[in-house]
Amino acid sequence: MKLFSTLFDKKKEILWTHQTDETVFGVCFSPDNSLIAAGSRKGSLYVLDRSGNLLWKYKTKPEEALVSASISADGSMLAIGSTDNKIYLSDIKEFQ
């Protein structure tokens, strides 16, 4: 099944759409709005730029749901919470 993540503006106009093959949730934005991170039900982490281009995708093993995402206030670190009782941390510089 093809699924899509879509970003809308305040007027509900589509800014961009990114196709995925799994449900995403736990979405967060970097403080400067240059990056969007989202976890998926099947254990993928997506990092997109503000235009919807995929910059990085990471797949956990086993495929546990990534249910929450947060970028630090200074924009330097990404944290993802998983149903495998782990927190995945990454330096934002990996995506830029």
C-alpha atoms as a PDB file:
ATOM      1  CA  MET A   1       0.000   0.000   0.000  1.00  0.00           C
ATOM      2  CA  LYS A   2       1.269   3.468  -0.853  1.00  0.00           C
ATOM      3  CA  LEU A   3       0.988   6.052   1.915  1.00  0.00           C
ATOM      4  CA  PHE A   4       1.795   9.726   1.837  1.00  0.00           C
ATOM      5  CA  SER A   5       2.998  12.297   4.344  1.00  0.00           C
ATOM      6  CA  THR A   6       1.758  15.742   3.412  1.00  0.00           C
ATOM      7  CA  LEU A   7       2.636  19.173   4.770  1.00  0.00           C
ATOM      8  CA  PHE A   8      -0.002  21.914   4.603  1.00  0.00           C
ATOM      9  CA  ASP A   9       0.252  25.646   5.200  1.00  0.00           C
ATOM     10  CA  LYS A  10      -2.141  27.738   7.315  1.00  0.00           C
ATOM     11  CA  LYS A  11      -4.497  28.090   4.337  1.00  0.00           C
ATOM     12  CA  LYS A  12      -4.664  24.262   4.057  1.00  0.00           C
ATOM     13  CA  GLU A  13      -2.781  24.336   0.767  1.00  0.00           C
ATOM     14  CA  ILE A  14      -0.391  21.469   0.133  1.00  0.00           C
ATOM     15  CA  LEU A  15       3.259  22.508   0.388  1.00  0.00           C
ATOM     16  CA  TRP A  16       4.662  19.058  -0.392  1.00  0.00           C
ATOM     17  CA  THR A  17       3.900  15.338  -0.277  1.00  0.00           C
ATOM     18  CA  HIS A  18       6.330  12.509   0.405  1.00  0.00           C
ATOM     19  CA  GLN A  19       5.404   8.897  -0.430  1.00  0.00           C
ATOM     20  CA  THR A  20       6.128   6.210   2.169  1.00  0.00           C
ATOM     21  CA  ASP A  21       5.201   2.543   2.351  1.00  0.00           C
ATOM     22  CA  GLU A  22       4.245   2.695   6.027  1.00  0.00           C
ATOM     23  CA  THR A  23       2.251   4.792   8.491  1.00  0.00           C
ATOM     24  CA  VAL A  24       4.258   7.605  10.079  1.00  0.00           C
ATOM     25  CA  PHE A  25       3.733   9.379  13.395  1.00  0.00           C
ATOM     26  CA  GLY A  26       5.787  11.064  16.091  1.00  0.00           C
ATOM     27  CA  VAL A  27       6.541  13.981  13.791  1.00  0.00           C
ATOM     28  CA  CYS A  28       8.720  16.906  14.871  1.00  0.00           C
ATOM     29  CA  PHE A  29      10.354  19.972  13.332  1.00  0.00           C
ATOM     30  CA  SER A  30      13.790  21.401  13.983  1.00  0.00           C
ATOM     31  CA  PRO A  31      13.795  24.821  15.739  1.00  0.00           C
ATOM     32  CA  ASP A  32      14.645  26.589  12.461  1.00  0.00           C
ATOM     33  CA  ASN A  33      12.037  24.503  10.549  1.00  0.00           C
ATOM     34  CA  SER A  34      14.689  23.215   8.133  1.00  0.00           C
ATOM     35  CA  LEU A  35      14.192  19.522   9.042  1.00  0.00           C
ATOM     36  CA  ILE A  36      11.215  17.285   9.717  1.00  0.00           C
ATOM     37  CA  ALA A  37      11.655  13.923  11.450  1.00  0.00           C
ATOM     38  CA  ALA A  38       9.038  11.182  11.745  1.00  0.00           C
ATOM     39  CA  GLY A  39       8.980   7.649  13.070  1.00  0.00           C
ATOM     40  CA  SER A  40       6.971   4.818  11.566  1.00  0.00           C
ATOM     41  CA  ARG A  41       4.923   1.873  12.745  1.00  0.00           C
ATOM     42  CA  LYS A  42       7.404  -0.510  11.062  1.00  0.00           C
ATOM     43  CA  GLY A  43      10.544   0.956  12.642  1.00  0.00           C
ATOM     44  CA  SER A  44      11.739   3.483  10.080  1.00  0.00           C
ATOM     45  CA  LEU A  45      12.947   6.959  10.895  1.00  0.00           C
ATOM     46  CA  TYR A  46      12.478   9.506   8.113  1.00  0.00           C
ATOM     47  CA  VAL A  47      14.301  12.843   8.034  1.00  0.00           C
ATOM     48  CA  LEU A  48      13.090  15.282   5.388  1.00  0.00           C
ATOM     49  CA  ASP A  49      14.087  18.805   4.462  1.00  0.00           C
ATOM     50  CA  ARG A  50      11.521  21.605   4.399  1.00  0.00           C
ATOM     51  CA  SER A  51      10.816  20.861   0.708  1.00  0.00           C
ATOM     52  CA  GLY A  52       9.873  17.246   1.469  1.00  0.00           C
ATOM     53  CA  ASN A  53      13.067  15.677   0.118  1.00  0.00           C
ATOM     54  CA  LEU A  54      14.202  12.555   1.955  1.00  0.00           C
ATOM     55  CA  LEU A  55      17.607  13.232   3.514  1.00  0.00           C
ATOM     56  CA  TRP A  56      17.970  10.096   5.587  1.00  0.00           C
ATOM     57  CA  LYS A  57      16.097   6.898   6.431  1.00  0.00           C
ATOM     58  CA  TYR A  58      17.075   4.518   9.228  1.00  0.00           C
ATOM     59  CA  LYS A  59      15.452   1.136   9.861  1.00  0.00           C
ATOM     60  CA  THR A  60      15.479  -0.403  13.343  1.00  0.00           C
ATOM     61  CA  LYS A  61      15.909  -4.137  13.879  1.00  0.00           C
ATOM     62  CA  PRO A  62      13.624  -5.692  14.909  1.00  0.00           C
ATOM     63  CA  GLU A  63      10.970  -3.537  13.285  1.00  0.00           C
ATOM     64  CA  GLU A  64       9.594  -1.839  16.388  1.00  0.00           C
ATOM     65  CA  ALA A  65       7.332   1.190  16.100  1.00  0.00           C
ATOM     66  CA  LEU A  66       9.017   4.574  16.514  1.00  0.00           C
ATOM     67  CA  VAL A  67       6.331   6.463  18.373  1.00  0.00           C
ATOM     68  CA  SER A  68       7.823   9.805  19.344  1.00  0.00           C
ATOM     69  CA  ALA A  69      10.364  12.226  17.938  1.00  0.00           C
ATOM     70  CA  SER A  70      11.955  15.346  19.350  1.00  0.00           C
ATOM     71  CA  ILE A  71      14.704  17.706  18.258  1.00  0.00           C
ATOM     72  CA  SER A  72      16.649  19.522  20.968  1.00  0.00           C
ATOM     73  CA  ALA A  73      16.038  23.240  21.517  1.00  0.00           C
ATOM     74  CA  ASP A  74      19.445  24.108  20.056  1.00  0.00           C
ATOM     75  CA  GLY A  75      18.727  21.917  16.994  1.00  0.00           C
ATOM     76  CA  SER A  76      21.774  19.697  17.515  1.00  0.00           C
ATOM     77  CA  MET A  77      20.245  16.335  18.524  1.00  0.00           C
ATOM     78  CA  LEU A  78      17.343  14.129  17.449  1.00  0.00           C
ATOM     79  CA  ALA A  79      15.732  11.683  19.893  1.00  0.00           C
ATOM     80  CA  ILE A  80      13.298   8.952  18.836  1.00  0.00           C
ATOM     81  CA  GLY A  81      11.306   6.806  21.292  1.00  0.00           C
ATOM     82  CA  SER A  82      10.527   3.208  20.332  1.00  0.00           C
ATOM     83  CA  THR A  83       8.226   0.414  21.481  1.00  0.00           C
ATOM     84  CA  ASP A  84      11.347  -1.732  22.029  1.00  0.00           C
ATOM     85  CA  ASN A  85      11.958   0.428  25.140  1.00  0.00           C
ATOM     86  CA  LYS A  86      14.914   2.176  23.525  1.00  0.00           C
ATOM     87  CA  ILE A  87      15.639   5.802  22.754  1.00  0.00           C
ATOM     88  CA  TYR A  88      17.597   6.390  19.564  1.00  0.00           C
ATOM     89  CA  LEU A  89      19.787   9.514  19.566  1.00  0.00           C
ATOM     90  CA  SER A  90      21.488  11.100  16.586  1.00  0.00           C
ATOM     91  CA  ASP A  91      23.514  14.190  15.859  1.00  0.00           C
ATOM     92  CA  ILE A  92      21.565  16.421  13.458  1.00  0.00           C
ATOM     93  CA  LYS A  93      24.765  17.067  11.489  1.00  0.00           C
ATOM     94  CA  GLU A  94      24.361  13.571  10.007  1.00  0.00           C
ATOM     95  CA  PHE A  95      21.398  14.847   7.985  1.00  0.00           C
ATOM     96  CA  GLN A  96      22.770  18.148   6.713  1.00  0.00           C
END
